[in-house]
């Protein structure tokens, strides 16, 4: 019984670690995309990168 409780606790903790890591990844990706969009929209229309 104790080993199954330990397994459930470990699985729960791992799930939350994965969710937080994924949320951090998504947040960083969206911030980079937003920054890139802002940089691209500030360039003059005829100017290429």
PDB file of N, CA and C in Angstrom:
ATOM      1  N   UNK A   1       0.816  -1.193   0.000  1.00  0.00           N
ATOM      2  CA  UNK A   1       0.000   0.000   0.000  1.00  0.00           C
ATOM      3  C   UNK A   1       0.861   1.259   0.000  1.00  0.00           C
ATOM      4  N   UNK A   2       1.910   1.265   0.785  1.00  0.00           N
ATOM      5  CA  UNK A   2       2.761   2.446   0.878  1.00  0.00           C
ATOM      6  C   UNK A   2       3.474   2.710  -0.443  1.00  0.00           C
ATOM      7  N   UNK A   3       3.862   1.641  -1.144  1.00  0.00           N
ATOM      8  CA  UNK A   3       4.569   1.853  -2.401  1.00  0.00           C
ATOM      9  C   UNK A   3       3.650   2.452  -3.463  1.00  0.00           C
ATOM     10  N   UNK A   4       2.375   2.105  -3.445  1.00  0.00           N
ATOM     11  CA  UNK A   4       1.463   2.685  -4.425  1.00  0.00           C
ATOM     12  C   UNK A   4       1.192   4.152  -4.110  1.00  0.00           C
ATOM     13  N   UNK A   5       1.156   4.512  -2.836  1.00  0.00           N
ATOM     14  CA  UNK A   5       0.983   5.926  -2.469  1.00  0.00           C
ATOM     15  C   UNK A   5       2.208   6.722  -2.905  1.00  0.00           C
ATOM     16  N   UNK A   6       3.389   6.155  -2.717  1.00  0.00           N
ATOM     17  CA  UNK A   6       4.614   6.828  -3.154  1.00  0.00           C
ATOM     18  C   UNK A   6       4.620   7.006  -4.669  1.00  0.00           C
ATOM     19  N   UNK A   7       4.152   5.991  -5.375  1.00  0.00           N
ATOM     20  CA  UNK A   7       4.081   6.101  -6.833  1.00  0.00           C
ATOM     21  C   UNK A   7       3.120   7.206  -7.257  1.00  0.00           C
ATOM     22  N   UNK A   8       1.984   7.297  -6.623  1.00  0.00           N
ATOM     23  CA  UNK A   8       0.995   8.324  -6.955  1.00  0.00           C
ATOM     24  C   UNK A   8       1.562   9.711  -6.662  1.00  0.00           C
ATOM     25  N   UNK A   9       2.221   9.859  -5.531  1.00  0.00           N
ATOM     26  CA  UNK A   9       2.824  11.150  -5.181  1.00  0.00           C
ATOM     27  C   UNK A   9       3.903  11.530  -6.193  1.00  0.00           C
ATOM     28  N   UNK A  10       4.746  10.578  -6.566  1.00  0.00           N
ATOM     29  CA  UNK A  10       5.805  10.849  -7.544  1.00  0.00           C
ATOM     30  C   UNK A  10       5.209  11.201  -8.902  1.00  0.00           C
ATOM     31  N   UNK A  11       4.175  10.486  -9.318  1.00  0.00           N
ATOM     32  CA  UNK A  11       3.541  10.774 -10.608  1.00  0.00           C
ATOM     33  C   UNK A  11       2.879  12.147 -10.598  1.00  0.00           C
ATOM     34  N   UNK A  12       2.243  12.497  -9.496  1.00  0.00           N
ATOM     35  CA  UNK A  12       1.600  13.811  -9.360  1.00  0.00           C
ATOM     36  C   UNK A  12       2.640  14.924  -9.438  1.00  0.00           C
ATOM     37  N   UNK A  13       3.734  14.759  -8.709  1.00  0.00           N
ATOM     38  CA  UNK A  13       4.800  15.761  -8.717  1.00  0.00           C
ATOM     39  C   UNK A  13       5.418  15.893 -10.106  1.00  0.00           C
ATOM     40  N   UNK A  14       5.665  14.770 -10.750  1.00  0.00           N
ATOM     41  CA  UNK A  14       6.242  14.796 -12.092  1.00  0.00           C
ATOM     42  C   UNK A  14       5.302  15.473 -13.087  1.00  0.00           C
ATOM     43  N   UNK A  15       4.022  15.224 -12.947  1.00  0.00           N
ATOM     44  CA  UNK A  15       3.044  15.859 -13.820  1.00  0.00           C
ATOM     45  C   UNK A  15       3.100  17.371 -13.681  1.00  0.00           C
ATOM     46  N   UNK A  16       3.149  17.860 -12.452  1.00  0.00           N
ATOM     47  CA  UNK A  16       3.211  19.310 -12.241  1.00  0.00           C
ATOM     48  C   UNK A  16       4.524  19.902 -12.740  1.00  0.00           C
ATOM     49  N   UNK A  17       5.616  19.186 -12.569  1.00  0.00           N
ATOM     50  CA  UNK A  17       6.905  19.664 -13.086  1.00  0.00           C
ATOM     51  C   UNK A  17       6.836  19.792 -14.604  1.00  0.00           C
ATOM     52  N   UNK A  18       6.265  18.802 -15.265  1.00  0.00           N
ATOM     53  CA  UNK A  18       6.131  18.844 -16.723  1.00  0.00           C
ATOM     54  C   UNK A  18       5.214  19.984 -17.172  1.00  0.00           C
ATOM     55  N   UNK A  19       4.111  20.182 -16.476  1.00  0.00           N
ATOM     56  CA  UNK A  19       3.195  21.270 -16.838  1.00  0.00           C
ATOM     57  C   UNK A  19       3.845  22.643 -16.677  1.00  0.00           C
ATOM     58  N   UNK A  20       4.571  22.833 -15.606  1.00  0.00           N
ATOM     59  CA  UNK A  20       5.250  24.113 -15.386  1.00  0.00           C
ATOM     60  C   UNK A  20       6.345  24.323 -16.427  1.00  0.00           C
ATOM     61  N   UNK A  21       7.086  23.267 -16.745  1.00  0.00           N
ATOM     62  CA  UNK A  21       8.137  23.378 -17.761  1.00  0.00           C
ATOM     63  C   UNK A  21       7.534  23.709 -19.126  1.00  0.00           C
ATOM     64  N   UNK A  22       6.431  23.082 -19.470  1.00  0.00           N
ATOM     65  CA  UNK A  22       5.787  23.357 -20.753  1.00  0.00           C
ATOM     66  C   UNK A  22       5.227  24.781 -20.795  1.00  0.00           C
ATOM     67  N   UNK A  23       4.636  25.227 -19.705  1.00  0.00           N
ATOM     68  CA  UNK A  23       4.111  26.592 -19.652  1.00  0.00           C
ATOM     69  C   UNK A  23       5.243  27.607 -19.802  1.00  0.00           C
ATOM     70  N   UNK A  24       6.377  27.332 -19.192  1.00  0.00           N
ATOM     71  CA  UNK A  24       7.539  28.212 -19.330  1.00  0.00           C
ATOM     72  C   UNK A  24       8.023  28.237 -20.777  1.00  0.00           C
ATOM     73  N   UNK A  25       8.074  27.078 -21.408  1.00  0.00           N
ATOM     74  CA  UNK A  25       8.488  26.987 -22.807  1.00  0.00           C
ATOM     75  C   UNK A  25       7.548  27.783 -23.709  1.00  0.00           C
ATOM     76  N   UNK A  26       6.251  27.624 -23.516  1.00  0.00           N
ATOM     77  CA  UNK A  26       5.269  28.330 -24.336  1.00  0.00           C
ATOM     78  C   UNK A  26       5.374  29.834 -24.109  1.00  0.00           C
ATOM     79  N   UNK A  27       5.526  30.247 -22.864  1.00  0.00           N
ATOM     80  CA  UNK A  27       5.634  31.668 -22.544  1.00  0.00           C
ATOM     81  C   UNK A  27       6.856  32.285 -23.232  1.00  0.00           C
ATOM     82  N   UNK A  28       7.991  31.605 -23.158  1.00  0.00           N
ATOM     83  CA  UNK A  28       9.208  32.120 -23.804  1.00  0.00           C
ATOM     84  C   UNK A  28       9.048  32.184 -25.316  1.00  0.00           C
ATOM     85  N   UNK A  29       8.447  31.156 -25.895  1.00  0.00           N
ATOM     86  CA  UNK A  29       8.250  31.129 -27.347  1.00  0.00           C
ATOM     87  C   UNK A  29       7.335  32.263 -27.791  1.00  0.00           C
ATOM     88  N   UNK A  30       6.253  32.470 -27.078  1.00  0.00           N
ATOM     89  CA  UNK A  30       5.345  33.566 -27.424  1.00  0.00           C
ATOM     90  C   UNK A  30       6.010  34.926 -27.249  1.00  0.00           C
ATOM     91  N   UNK A  31       6.819  35.072 -26.221  1.00  0.00           N
ATOM     92  CA  UNK A  31       7.516  36.349 -26.013  1.00  0.00           C
ATOM     93  C   UNK A  31       8.510  36.608 -27.146  1.00  0.00           C
ATOM     94  N   UNK A  32       9.249  35.566 -27.550  1.00  0.00           N
ATOM     95  CA  UNK A  32      10.182  35.738 -28.668  1.00  0.00           C
ATOM     96  C   UNK A  32       9.441  36.090 -29.954  1.00  0.00           C
ATOM     97  N   UNK A  33       8.326  35.418 -30.206  1.00  0.00           N
ATOM     98  CA  UNK A  33       7.544  35.695 -31.408  1.00  0.00           C
ATOM     99  C   UNK A  33       7.001  37.121 -31.375  1.00  0.00           C
ATOM    100  N   UNK A  34       6.521  37.548 -30.225  1.00  0.00           N
ATOM    101  CA  UNK A  34       5.992  38.905 -30.084  1.00  0.00           C
ATOM    102  C   UNK A  34       7.098  39.933 -30.314  1.00  0.00           C
ATOM    103  N   UNK A  35       8.286  39.693 -29.737  1.00  0.00           N
ATOM    104  CA  UNK A  35       9.416  40.604 -29.934  1.00  0.00           C
ATOM    105  C   UNK A  35       9.833  40.653 -31.395  1.00  0.00           C
ATOM    106  N   UNK A  36       9.874  39.498 -32.037  1.00  0.00           N
ATOM    107  CA  UNK A  36      10.249  39.447 -33.456  1.00  0.00           C
ATOM    108  C   UNK A  36       9.230  40.187 -34.316  1.00  0.00           C
ATOM    109  N   UNK A  37       7.966  40.028 -34.010  1.00  0.00           N
ATOM    110  CA  UNK A  37       6.914  40.733 -34.742  1.00  0.00           C
ATOM    111  C   UNK A  37       7.053  42.241 -34.561  1.00  0.00           C
ATOM    112  N   UNK A  38       7.341  42.675 -33.355  1.00  0.00           N
ATOM    113  CA  UNK A  38       7.518  44.107 -33.109  1.00  0.00           C
ATOM    114  C   UNK A  38       8.724  44.648 -33.877  1.00  0.00           C
ATOM    115  N   UNK A  39       9.824  43.904 -33.892  1.00  0.00           N
ATOM    116  CA  UNK A  39      11.014  44.336 -34.644  1.00  0.00           C
ATOM    117  C   UNK A  39      10.711  44.406 -36.135  1.00  0.00           C
ATOM    118  N   UNK A  40      10.007  43.406 -36.643  1.00  0.00           N
ATOM    119  CA  UNK A  40       9.700  43.374 -38.079  1.00  0.00           C
ATOM    120  C   UNK A  40       8.747  44.493 -38.467  1.00  0.00           C
ATOM    121  N   UNK A  41       7.831  44.826 -37.603  1.00  0.00           N
ATOM    122  CA  UNK A  41       6.861  45.867 -37.944  1.00  0.00           C
ATOM    123  C   UNK A  41       7.436  47.260 -37.810  1.00  0.00           C
ATOM    124  N   UNK A  42       8.589  47.419 -37.176  1.00  0.00           N
ATOM    125  CA  UNK A  42       9.227  48.725 -37.056  1.00  0.00           C
ATOM    126  C   UNK A  42      10.103  49.055 -38.264  1.00  0.00           C
ATOM    127  N   UNK A  43      10.493  48.041 -39.039  1.00  0.00           N
ATOM    128  CA  UNK A  43      11.360  48.289 -40.195  1.00  0.00           C
ATOM    129  C   UNK A  43      10.560  49.013 -41.283  1.00  0.00           C
ATOM    130  N   UNK A  44      11.244  49.880 -42.034  1.00  0.00           N
ATOM    131  CA  UNK A  44      10.568  50.529 -43.165  1.00  0.00           C
ATOM    132  C   UNK A  44      10.058  49.471 -44.162  1.00  0.00           C
ATOM    133  N   UNK A  45       8.985  49.801 -44.866  1.00  0.00           N
ATOM    134  CA  UNK A  45       8.302  48.834 -45.736  1.00  0.00           C
ATOM    135  C   UNK A  45       9.193  48.274 -46.838  1.00  0.00           C
ATOM    136  N   UNK A  46      10.045  49.081 -47.445  1.00  0.00           N
ATOM    137  CA  UNK A  46      10.858  48.613 -48.556  1.00  0.00           C
ATOM    138  C   UNK A  46      12.141  47.928 -48.152  1.00  0.00           C
ATOM    139  N   UNK A  47      12.454  47.958 -46.906  1.00  0.00           N
ATOM    140  CA  UNK A  47      13.729  47.423 -46.433  1.00  0.00           C
ATOM    141  C   UNK A  47      13.593  45.936 -46.106  1.00  0.00           C
ATOM    142  N   UNK A  48      14.485  45.143 -46.655  1.00  0.00           N
ATOM    143  CA  UNK A  48      14.485  43.691 -46.380  1.00  0.00           C
ATOM    144  C   UNK A  48      15.449  43.409 -45.239  1.00  0.00           C
ATOM    145  N   UNK A  49      15.276  42.268 -44.638  1.00  0.00           N
ATOM    146  CA  UNK A  49      16.175  41.870 -43.550  1.00  0.00           C
ATOM    147  C   UNK A  49      17.511  41.469 -44.038  1.00  0.00           C
TER     148      UNK A  49
END
